[in-house]
């Protein structure tokens, strides 16, 4: 109805069979395809439509997981829109599809291989994570150098793994190096290898990660920590796809793909003279910016659910959920340590949980000064509320006994010294006189 009012010619089909028939006769410029159909899986329909030279296919689905998104993108979907449908977003996608029809993927593309990467799934249904999933699908089909930028604990390594394990080179090695954990000559040796006797302690010839990776992937974590003098050698490899071992003269070829990650502002490092500008451009041919957890809070409930399942598996627990009030605190918290902090806090709380529910009192003390302060303020407010109730009740009993302290103590089940202390604390006095 919305698109008809916008002037589009529309044909609708309830089943895949009806859709194939109308697709041939109507020959649409854009196909809007639901993943869930009564007679066939929507992704299978997508592949058949692509095989029949149908382009500009927009996937609609209630599923928000990474697997479905990546499969849809790799199968040639132009766009992927989750339910509930935002019709304005859908219209914009249709408009983009019309304009970009010439750049759609070729119809004779190889069918998508089955999804093989299971460990360390990336969880998220927010718009920004959906875009990252689509980017992974695109980059996994080529070998360009990728720079992944994001704060510590946002899951940069998981994204690098996803790009590698969805690529045609998934069966080749993925070599990971934390550039901040290895210094100087040792890092150069780890990357490029060394010949026997090339430096003190080099008692044997060693192959470096670029040589060992073969046709696979090198993941350079914290690439901003690479010493300036070593950056030129990395740049040469990216340009020439060849290198020499330390102390060696033979040029060694490698077709390994490079994926780099950093939690630092590399461009600022370039401006400060601490990182080579030419290397920066070589590393950032394609860039993925991973948002901090505070900028994708709709994903927190999904992450909590996933982490609880992981904790149950690793710690042999039987946890089912986080208490509602605890979940509310977790949604309001800013998570400076991002997803890694979320997992650590849930694991810590789970260890001390005896039943099936992680309680609020186990979560809030772990959420940093802000949450603790707010919790204390909440408790103080609650305590003040109870004090006001007690004060009003004491005054009510005093009025009933015409301020006879003996009778008041008996009704309150309270000693006279305790009552006097309460009256003093609350400032209660008859006719304005202190008792």
Protein backbone atom coordinates (compact mmCIF):
# COMPACT_ATOMS: atom_id res chain seq x y z
CA UNK A 1 0.00 0.00 0.00
CA UNK A 2 2.79 2.42 0.91
CA UNK A 3 4.77 1.79 -2.28
CA UNK A 4 1.66 1.87 -4.47
CA UNK A 5 0.82 5.30 -3.08
CA UNK A 6 4.38 6.34 -3.98
CA UNK A 7 3.69 5.45 -7.61
CA UNK A 8 5.41 2.06 -7.89
CA UNK A 9 3.87 -0.81 -9.85
CA UNK A 10 3.61 -3.72 -7.40
CA UNK A 11 3.02 -7.47 -7.65
CA UNK A 12 2.74 -9.60 -4.51
CA UNK A 13 3.34 -13.32 -3.98
CA UNK A 14 2.72 -15.36 -0.83
CA UNK A 15 4.84 -18.40 -1.74
CA UNK A 16 8.18 -18.93 -3.43
CA UNK A 17 6.51 -20.81 -6.30
CA UNK A 18 4.12 -17.93 -6.94
CA UNK A 19 7.01 -15.51 -6.63
CA UNK A 20 9.11 -17.27 -9.30
CA UNK A 21 6.14 -17.25 -11.68
CA UNK A 22 5.39 -13.55 -11.17
CA UNK A 23 9.07 -12.67 -11.29
CA UNK A 24 9.28 -14.08 -14.81
CA UNK A 25 6.08 -12.40 -16.05
CA UNK A 26 6.33 -9.10 -14.17
CA UNK A 27 10.14 -8.80 -14.42
CA UNK A 28 10.54 -6.37 -11.47
CA UNK A 29 13.31 -3.81 -11.14
CA UNK A 30 13.48 -4.57 -7.41
CA UNK A 31 12.48 -7.70 -5.50
CA UNK A 32 11.59 -7.51 -1.81
CA UNK A 33 12.07 -10.98 -0.36
CA UNK A 34 11.13 -12.32 3.07
CA UNK A 35 13.52 -14.93 4.51
CA UNK A 36 10.59 -16.90 5.99
CA UNK A 37 8.32 -18.32 3.27
CA UNK A 38 5.83 -21.21 3.62
CA UNK A 39 7.34 -23.41 0.90
CA UNK A 40 11.07 -22.51 0.70
CA UNK A 41 13.83 -20.78 2.64
CA UNK A 42 14.19 -17.18 1.51
CA UNK A 43 17.97 -17.49 1.06
CA UNK A 44 17.42 -20.40 -1.34
CA UNK A 45 14.95 -18.23 -3.25
CA UNK A 46 17.57 -15.48 -3.31
CA UNK A 47 20.15 -17.78 -4.91
CA UNK A 48 17.65 -19.02 -7.53
CA UNK A 49 16.61 -15.46 -8.39
CA UNK A 50 20.25 -14.45 -8.74
CA UNK A 51 20.89 -17.48 -10.93
CA UNK A 52 17.99 -16.32 -13.13
CA UNK A 53 19.67 -12.93 -13.55
CA UNK A 54 17.39 -11.13 -11.11
CA UNK A 55 19.22 -8.26 -9.44
CA UNK A 56 18.37 -5.69 -6.73
CA UNK A 57 16.96 -8.12 -4.17
CA UNK A 58 16.16 -6.63 -0.76
CA UNK A 59 15.97 -9.15 2.08
CA UNK A 60 13.37 -8.68 4.83
CA UNK A 61 13.69 -10.80 7.96
CA UNK A 62 12.88 -11.06 11.64
CA UNK A 63 16.27 -12.70 12.20
CA UNK A 64 19.04 -10.36 13.37
CA UNK A 65 21.97 -12.78 13.57
CA UNK A 66 25.31 -12.41 11.84
CA UNK A 67 25.05 -15.72 9.93
CA UNK A 68 21.85 -14.78 8.08
CA UNK A 69 23.13 -11.29 7.28
CA UNK A 70 26.45 -12.50 5.88
CA UNK A 71 24.80 -15.31 3.88
CA UNK A 72 22.34 -12.83 2.39
CA UNK A 73 25.08 -10.36 1.45
CA UNK A 74 27.35 -13.06 0.00
CA UNK A 75 24.41 -14.49 -1.99
CA UNK A 76 24.03 -11.12 -3.67
CA UNK A 77 21.32 -9.36 -1.67
CA UNK A 78 21.39 -5.65 -2.35
CA UNK A 79 20.11 -4.73 1.12
CA UNK A 80 19.13 -6.46 4.35
CA UNK A 81 16.31 -4.89 6.41
CA UNK A 82 15.14 -6.36 9.74
CA UNK A 83 11.57 -6.37 10.99
CA UNK A 84 9.62 -4.42 12.10
CA UNK A 85 9.95 -2.72 8.74
CA UNK A 86 10.65 0.99 8.62
CA UNK A 87 8.89 1.87 5.35
CA UNK A 88 10.99 5.00 4.88
CA UNK A 89 14.17 2.94 5.23
CA UNK A 90 12.71 0.46 2.74
CA UNK A 91 11.92 3.22 0.26
CA UNK A 92 15.47 4.57 0.54
CA UNK A 93 16.82 1.06 -0.10
CA UNK A 94 14.62 0.74 -3.20
CA UNK A 95 15.83 4.12 -4.44
CA UNK A 96 19.47 3.08 -3.92
CA UNK A 97 18.83 -0.20 -5.71
CA UNK A 98 17.37 1.60 -8.72
CA UNK A 99 20.36 3.93 -8.90
CA UNK A 100 22.97 1.22 -8.38
CA UNK A 101 21.54 -1.54 -10.57
CA UNK A 102 24.54 -1.40 -12.88
CA UNK A 103 26.88 -2.29 -10.01
CA UNK A 104 24.96 -5.34 -8.78
CA UNK A 105 26.87 -8.60 -8.49
CA UNK A 106 27.07 -10.89 -11.49
CA UNK A 107 24.26 -13.40 -11.76
CA UNK A 108 26.54 -16.40 -12.34
CA UNK A 109 28.27 -16.01 -9.00
CA UNK A 110 29.43 -19.16 -7.26
CA UNK A 111 26.86 -20.46 -4.72
CA UNK A 112 27.65 -19.53 -1.15
CA UNK A 113 29.56 -22.24 0.71
CA UNK A 114 28.09 -23.38 4.05
CA UNK A 115 28.91 -21.25 7.06
CA UNK A 116 31.87 -22.85 8.83
CA UNK A 117 32.96 -20.36 11.48
CA UNK A 118 31.25 -21.08 14.80
CA UNK A 119 33.54 -20.16 17.68
CA UNK A 120 33.47 -16.56 18.90
CA UNK A 121 30.26 -15.41 17.24
CA UNK A 122 29.67 -11.69 16.90
CA UNK A 123 26.40 -10.74 18.58
CA UNK A 124 24.31 -7.74 17.59
CA UNK A 125 21.09 -6.54 16.00
CA UNK A 126 21.69 -2.77 16.11
CA UNK A 127 21.89 -0.87 12.84
CA UNK A 128 25.63 -0.26 13.15
CA UNK A 129 26.34 -3.96 13.75
CA UNK A 130 24.15 -4.89 10.80
CA UNK A 131 26.34 -2.66 8.63
CA UNK A 132 29.47 -4.35 10.02
CA UNK A 133 28.03 -7.78 9.18
CA UNK A 134 27.39 -6.64 5.62
CA UNK A 135 30.92 -5.24 5.38
CA UNK A 136 32.35 -8.57 6.56
CA UNK A 137 30.36 -10.28 3.81
CA UNK A 138 31.80 -7.94 1.17
CA UNK A 139 35.43 -7.99 2.39
CA UNK A 140 35.51 -11.77 2.80
CA UNK A 141 35.22 -12.07 -0.98
CA UNK A 142 38.44 -10.19 -1.72
CA UNK A 143 41.96 -9.83 -0.31
CA UNK A 144 42.29 -6.10 0.28
CA UNK A 145 44.08 -4.91 3.41
CA UNK A 146 41.65 -4.08 6.21
CA UNK A 147 42.08 -1.72 9.18
CA UNK A 148 39.75 -2.36 12.13
CA UNK A 149 39.45 0.59 14.50
CA UNK A 150 37.80 0.54 17.91
CA UNK A 151 38.27 0.84 21.63
CA UNK A 152 39.78 -1.96 23.70
CA UNK A 153 37.33 -4.79 24.27
CA UNK A 154 34.99 -4.08 21.33
CA UNK A 155 35.74 -7.36 19.51
CA UNK A 156 38.16 -6.33 16.79
CA UNK A 157 39.83 -9.75 16.71
CA UNK A 158 36.42 -11.47 16.32
CA UNK A 159 35.76 -9.34 13.24
CA UNK A 160 39.17 -10.20 11.78
CA UNK A 161 38.45 -13.89 12.36
CA UNK A 162 35.03 -13.57 10.74
CA UNK A 163 36.52 -11.96 7.61
CA UNK A 164 39.11 -14.75 7.36
CA UNK A 165 36.81 -17.70 8.06
CA UNK A 166 34.16 -16.51 5.60
CA UNK A 167 36.73 -16.08 2.82
CA UNK A 168 37.67 -18.61 0.13
CA UNK A 169 41.01 -18.96 1.99
CA UNK A 170 39.42 -20.12 5.26
CA UNK A 171 41.38 -23.39 5.16
CA UNK A 172 44.69 -21.53 5.09
CA UNK A 173 46.32 -20.33 8.34
CA UNK A 174 45.23 -17.30 10.34
CA UNK A 175 48.32 -15.96 12.16
CA UNK A 176 47.75 -13.48 15.00
CA UNK A 177 50.41 -11.15 16.41
CA UNK A 178 49.90 -8.71 19.27
CA UNK A 179 52.31 -5.96 18.26
CA UNK A 180 52.18 -4.36 21.72
CA UNK A 181 53.40 -7.53 23.45
CA UNK A 182 56.63 -8.00 21.45
CA UNK A 183 59.42 -5.46 21.15
CA UNK A 184 62.09 -4.45 18.65
CA UNK A 185 64.06 -7.19 16.92
CA UNK A 186 61.82 -9.89 18.37
CA UNK A 187 58.74 -8.42 16.61
CA UNK A 188 60.62 -8.20 13.32
CA UNK A 189 61.65 -11.82 13.75
CA UNK A 190 58.06 -12.85 14.52
CA UNK A 191 56.83 -11.13 11.37
CA UNK A 192 59.59 -11.89 8.87
CA UNK A 193 61.72 -14.62 10.46
CA UNK A 194 65.51 -14.71 10.81
CA UNK A 195 68.54 -16.63 9.62
CA UNK A 196 70.75 -18.59 11.98
CA UNK A 197 73.35 -16.34 13.62
CA UNK A 198 71.75 -13.11 12.42
CA UNK A 199 71.67 -11.74 15.99
CA UNK A 200 72.56 -12.85 19.49
CA UNK A 201 70.38 -15.82 20.42
CA UNK A 202 69.47 -16.69 16.80
CA UNK A 203 70.70 -20.27 17.08
CA UNK A 204 68.52 -21.57 14.25
CA UNK A 205 66.72 -20.36 11.13
CA UNK A 206 63.16 -19.33 11.87
CA UNK A 207 60.25 -18.70 9.53
CA UNK A 208 58.16 -15.60 10.26
CA UNK A 209 54.37 -15.29 10.35
CA UNK A 210 54.18 -13.89 6.81
CA UNK A 211 55.95 -16.96 5.50
CA UNK A 212 53.94 -19.38 7.63
CA UNK A 213 50.60 -17.82 6.68
CA UNK A 214 50.96 -18.79 3.03
CA UNK A 215 47.70 -17.86 1.29
CA UNK A 216 46.03 -17.16 4.62
CA UNK A 217 45.73 -14.07 6.82
CA UNK A 218 48.03 -12.11 9.14
CA UNK A 219 46.19 -10.25 11.89
CA UNK A 220 48.30 -7.43 13.34
CA UNK A 221 46.63 -6.50 16.61
CA UNK A 222 47.54 -3.08 18.04
CA UNK A 223 49.38 -2.17 14.83
CA UNK A 224 49.99 1.35 16.17
CA UNK A 225 52.62 -0.10 18.52
CA UNK A 226 54.94 -1.24 15.70
CA UNK A 227 58.28 0.60 16.07
CA UNK A 228 58.79 3.36 13.53
CA UNK A 229 61.93 1.74 12.13
CA UNK A 230 60.03 -1.50 11.41
CA UNK A 231 57.14 0.25 9.68
CA UNK A 232 59.14 0.71 6.47
CA UNK A 233 59.68 -3.05 6.16
CA UNK A 234 55.96 -3.69 6.67
CA UNK A 235 55.18 -1.04 4.05
CA UNK A 236 57.50 -2.72 1.56
CA UNK A 237 55.75 -6.04 2.10
CA UNK A 238 52.34 -4.47 1.51
CA UNK A 239 53.61 -2.87 -1.69
CA UNK A 240 55.72 -5.71 -3.12
CA UNK A 241 54.33 -8.81 -1.37
CA UNK A 242 57.91 -9.88 -0.63
CA UNK A 243 60.37 -9.62 2.25
CA UNK A 244 63.70 -10.86 3.57
CA UNK A 245 64.38 -12.64 6.84
CA UNK A 246 66.62 -10.86 9.33
CA UNK A 247 70.18 -11.55 8.23
CA UNK A 248 68.97 -13.03 4.93
CA UNK A 249 69.47 -11.95 1.33
CA UNK A 250 66.87 -14.12 -0.39
CA UNK A 251 63.60 -12.42 -1.31
CA UNK A 252 60.63 -14.44 -0.10
CA UNK A 253 57.21 -14.04 -1.69
CA UNK A 254 53.99 -14.20 0.34
CA UNK A 255 50.38 -13.69 -0.69
CA UNK A 256 49.14 -13.45 2.89
CA UNK A 257 46.35 -10.97 3.47
CA UNK A 258 46.92 -8.35 6.18
CA UNK A 259 44.20 -7.32 8.61
CA UNK A 260 45.30 -4.75 11.19
CA UNK A 261 43.57 -3.46 14.30
CA UNK A 262 44.16 -0.55 16.64
CA UNK A 263 42.56 1.16 19.60
CA UNK A 264 44.60 4.31 18.91
CA UNK A 265 43.95 7.19 16.52
CA UNK A 266 46.43 6.26 13.75
CA UNK A 267 45.79 9.45 11.80
CA UNK A 268 46.69 11.54 14.84
CA UNK A 269 49.83 9.42 15.22
CA UNK A 270 50.65 10.26 11.60
CA UNK A 271 50.20 13.97 12.30
CA UNK A 272 52.38 13.67 15.41
CA UNK A 273 55.11 11.96 13.39
CA UNK A 274 54.80 8.60 15.19
CA UNK A 275 53.34 6.60 12.31
CA UNK A 276 54.19 6.59 8.61
CA UNK A 277 51.58 8.27 6.46
CA UNK A 278 52.21 5.99 3.49
CA UNK A 279 51.83 2.91 5.72
CA UNK A 280 48.58 4.31 7.13
CA UNK A 281 47.10 4.57 3.64
CA UNK A 282 48.30 1.07 2.76
CA UNK A 283 46.70 -0.40 5.88
CA UNK A 284 43.39 1.45 5.54
CA UNK A 285 42.39 0.37 2.02
CA UNK A 286 39.20 -0.84 3.70
CA UNK A 287 38.22 0.29 7.20
CA UNK A 288 35.82 -1.12 9.77
CA UNK A 289 35.00 1.14 12.70
CA UNK A 290 33.74 -0.91 15.64
CA UNK A 291 31.44 1.11 17.91
CA UNK A 292 31.87 1.05 21.69
CA UNK A 293 29.19 -0.84 23.59
CA UNK A 294 27.69 2.41 24.95
CA UNK A 295 26.75 3.32 21.35
CA UNK A 296 24.91 0.06 20.67
CA UNK A 297 22.99 -0.54 23.88
CA UNK A 298 20.12 -2.39 22.12
CA UNK A 299 22.64 -5.23 21.73
CA UNK A 300 23.24 -5.57 25.49
CA UNK A 301 20.29 -7.95 26.20
CA UNK A 302 21.45 -10.20 23.34
CA UNK A 303 25.02 -10.11 24.62
CA UNK A 304 23.88 -10.96 28.16
CA UNK A 305 21.92 -13.95 26.85
CA UNK A 306 24.86 -15.14 24.78
CA UNK A 307 27.37 -14.66 27.61
CA UNK A 308 25.18 -16.59 30.07
CA UNK A 309 25.11 -19.55 27.67
CA UNK A 310 28.87 -19.32 27.28
CA UNK A 311 29.38 -19.14 31.05
CA UNK A 312 27.09 -22.14 31.58
CA UNK A 313 29.21 -24.12 29.12
CA UNK A 314 32.57 -23.04 30.53
CA UNK A 315 31.73 -23.08 34.26
CA UNK A 316 29.18 -25.91 34.22
CA UNK A 317 26.50 -23.58 35.62
CA UNK A 318 22.73 -23.64 35.15
CA UNK A 319 22.06 -19.91 34.89
CA UNK A 320 18.91 -18.77 33.11
CA UNK A 321 18.87 -14.99 33.32
CA UNK A 322 19.95 -11.77 35.01
CA UNK A 323 17.55 -10.20 37.51
CA UNK A 324 15.47 -7.47 35.84
CA UNK A 325 16.80 -4.68 38.04
CA UNK A 326 20.38 -5.84 37.37
CA UNK A 327 19.67 -5.81 33.64
CA UNK A 328 18.37 -2.24 33.96
CA UNK A 329 21.61 -1.13 35.61
CA UNK A 330 23.60 -2.86 32.86
CA UNK A 331 21.63 -1.01 30.17
CA UNK A 332 22.31 2.35 31.86
CA UNK A 333 26.02 1.70 32.45
CA UNK A 334 28.50 3.19 29.93
CA UNK A 335 30.83 0.13 29.70
CA UNK A 336 34.27 1.76 29.34
CA UNK A 337 35.72 -1.75 28.91
CA UNK A 338 33.08 -2.64 26.29
CA UNK A 339 32.06 -6.25 25.56
CA UNK A 340 35.11 -7.66 27.34
CA UNK A 341 34.09 -5.85 30.54
CA UNK A 342 30.52 -7.13 30.16
CA UNK A 343 31.76 -10.73 29.92
CA UNK A 344 34.13 -10.29 32.87
CA UNK A 345 31.40 -8.83 35.10
CA UNK A 346 28.90 -11.57 34.22
CA UNK A 347 31.54 -14.27 34.79
CA UNK A 348 32.52 -12.78 38.15
CA UNK A 349 28.86 -12.55 39.24
CA UNK A 350 28.10 -16.05 37.94
CA UNK A 351 30.86 -17.58 40.06
CA UNK A 352 29.13 -16.21 43.17
CA UNK A 353 25.61 -17.16 42.07
CA UNK A 354 24.09 -20.26 43.65
CA UNK A 355 20.71 -20.36 41.92
CA UNK A 356 19.54 -19.81 38.34
CA UNK A 357 19.31 -15.99 38.46
CA UNK A 358 22.19 -13.51 38.75
CA UNK A 359 20.99 -10.98 41.31
CA UNK A 360 21.30 -7.21 41.30
CA UNK A 361 23.53 -7.11 44.40
CA UNK A 362 26.14 -9.21 42.56
CA UNK A 363 26.14 -6.94 39.49
CA UNK A 364 25.97 -3.34 40.70
CA UNK A 365 29.16 -3.39 42.84
CA UNK A 366 31.07 -4.42 39.70
CA UNK A 367 29.79 -1.59 37.50
CA UNK A 368 32.28 1.06 38.58
CA UNK A 369 31.99 4.25 40.64
CA UNK A 370 29.02 5.70 38.78
CA UNK A 371 26.75 2.70 39.31
CA UNK A 372 27.90 2.29 42.92
CA UNK A 373 27.20 5.98 43.58
CA UNK A 374 23.74 5.75 42.04
CA UNK A 375 23.04 2.55 43.97
CA UNK A 376 24.10 4.23 47.21
CA UNK A 377 21.89 7.21 46.42
CA UNK A 378 19.02 4.83 45.76
CA UNK A 379 19.62 3.03 49.06
CA UNK A 380 19.89 6.37 50.90
CA UNK A 381 16.61 7.51 49.39
CA UNK A 382 14.98 4.23 50.40
CA UNK A 383 16.39 4.55 53.94
CA UNK A 384 15.10 8.12 54.22
CA UNK A 385 11.68 6.96 53.09
CA UNK A 386 11.61 4.32 55.86
CA UNK A 387 12.71 6.93 58.43
CA UNK A 388 9.87 9.25 57.39
CA UNK A 389 7.40 6.40 57.76
CA UNK A 390 8.74 5.59 61.25
CA UNK A 391 8.59 9.23 62.30
CA UNK A 392 4.97 9.59 61.17
CA UNK A 393 4.01 6.37 62.95
CA UNK A 394 5.63 7.49 66.25
CA UNK A 395 3.78 10.82 66.08
CA UNK A 396 0.52 8.96 65.39
CA UNK A 397 0.98 6.76 68.50
CA UNK A 398 1.99 9.77 70.63
CA UNK A 399 -1.19 11.58 69.60
CA UNK A 400 -3.25 8.47 70.44
CA UNK A 401 -1.72 8.26 73.96
CA UNK A 402 -1.88 12.06 74.44
CA UNK A 403 1.92 12.04 74.59
CA UNK A 404 2.08 9.59 77.48
CA UNK A 405 5.57 8.16 77.00
CA UNK A 406 4.97 5.00 79.05
CA UNK A 407 1.88 4.01 77.03
CA UNK A 408 3.67 4.99 73.79
CA UNK A 409 6.66 2.76 74.61
CA UNK A 410 4.30 -0.16 75.32
CA UNK A 411 2.43 0.23 72.01
CA UNK A 412 5.68 0.66 70.04
CA UNK A 413 7.36 -2.21 71.94
CA UNK A 414 10.26 0.16 72.54
CA UNK A 415 12.28 1.13 75.66
CA UNK A 416 11.98 4.67 77.01
CA UNK A 417 15.67 5.56 76.24
CA UNK A 418 15.17 4.30 72.64
CA UNK A 419 12.01 6.35 72.28
CA UNK A 420 13.73 9.49 73.60
CA UNK A 421 16.58 8.95 71.09
CA UNK A 422 14.05 8.61 68.26
CA UNK A 423 12.25 11.78 69.34
CA UNK A 424 15.56 13.65 69.46
CA UNK A 425 16.73 12.27 66.10
CA UNK A 426 13.46 13.14 64.36
CA UNK A 427 13.00 16.47 66.21
CA UNK A 428 9.60 15.46 67.60
CA UNK A 429 8.25 17.58 70.46
CA UNK A 430 4.80 18.52 71.88
CA UNK A 431 3.83 22.16 71.39
CA UNK A 432 7.26 22.87 69.97
CA UNK A 433 9.03 21.86 73.18
CA UNK A 434 11.82 19.29 73.07
CA UNK A 435 11.25 16.26 75.28
